């Protein structure tokens, strides 16, 4: 009976190299991502209430930590998980820890920082154990790579645990170096890996990143609804909210037409493709927080300075980061007639968004101008698409 239990319900994780190319994202992974909806919402709520450059800095650090938690947990399931009781049990355990983490997230930069650090440490310990169980099944050629990864995980546990016992200002600095350290080390690790052993994204990996982008785009909806709920709901306020919502539509349109469902290039581009998603999703979440203030001040002649700058800068960062993601795609060279003009348009759009933030027109006009920029960028790509002899060639994974 015990042997049957282990063989059917409690199977060991897949080792490195045991890739399931044709797998799709499972219901358990969708369920797992839902808990991040709450955690991200708590972080964005803090930014909405502290809309300043300091607040943006705090949000960037905390969001970076949340994204790294999601990245580690998601990649583990994609690379090594199964549809069995063991995988489900560990996913549920992570979700329980993340639910507690959400309680401390809103004020993680202040009084709740110690609680956030201790809960985050518990989350890292679970992930470290999960990655260790994979190493125990790996072939010899993967040992050096997994040793470096586990060393980074153990160092992370120590760093975050220690950060829970230092003053709040120093704690946030440590967390900032923690996020930056992971980004730099991931790029370094990718460069040091043999091409034969390098991580390659599968269709399920690409799908998972797209689903997380949708989760973060939900913060734009939350920001508009929160702003409308707290303001006088006259025509101008509602119109401003709906135009602000259209900013989310514009980002969604560009991402899922020209990035979503498209595979990154092989040969050392996968990690860059993953990491370049961080500024995109962070900027989207920040724009949702800025929309709360923009909608609340819809009746004023000029947009509030902080809301105007955070919203326009978020759109600019998202557009600029999308150009980098596009350069890592396998379709980038094949569809050069679309992507090269689109890259130029995205960078020009980013500059125009910053000018709109500096100008600070009325809230409705600022939101409309940003939506117009996103629409113009998309039309540049559509024109290139229409000029193709075979329009189906522009579809993901075509050819």
Foldseek 3Di string as FASTA:
>chain_A
DVVVCAVAAVDFWDAQPPADQPDADDPLLVVLLVLVLLLLLLLLQLCLVVLDPVSLLLSLLLLLLSVVLNVLLVVCCNRINDPHNNNSVLSVVLSVLSNQLSVLRNQCLPDSVLVNLVSSLVSLVSSLVSLVSNLVVYDPVCNVLSVVVSVLSVVSSVLSNVLSPDHSVVSSVSSNVNSVVVLVVLLVSLVPDDLVRHDFDHLNNLQSLLVSLVSLLVLLVVLLVLLCVPADDDPQLNLLSVLSNLLSVLLNVVCCLQPGSFTFDGDRLPSVLVVLVSLQSSLSNQLSSLSSQLSRQQPDFFGPLSSLQSNLQSLLSNLQSVLSNNVRTPCCVVLVLQNVQLNVLSNVLSVVSNVLSVVGGRSSVNSNVNSVSSVVSVVSNVVSLVPDPDNVCSDHPRD
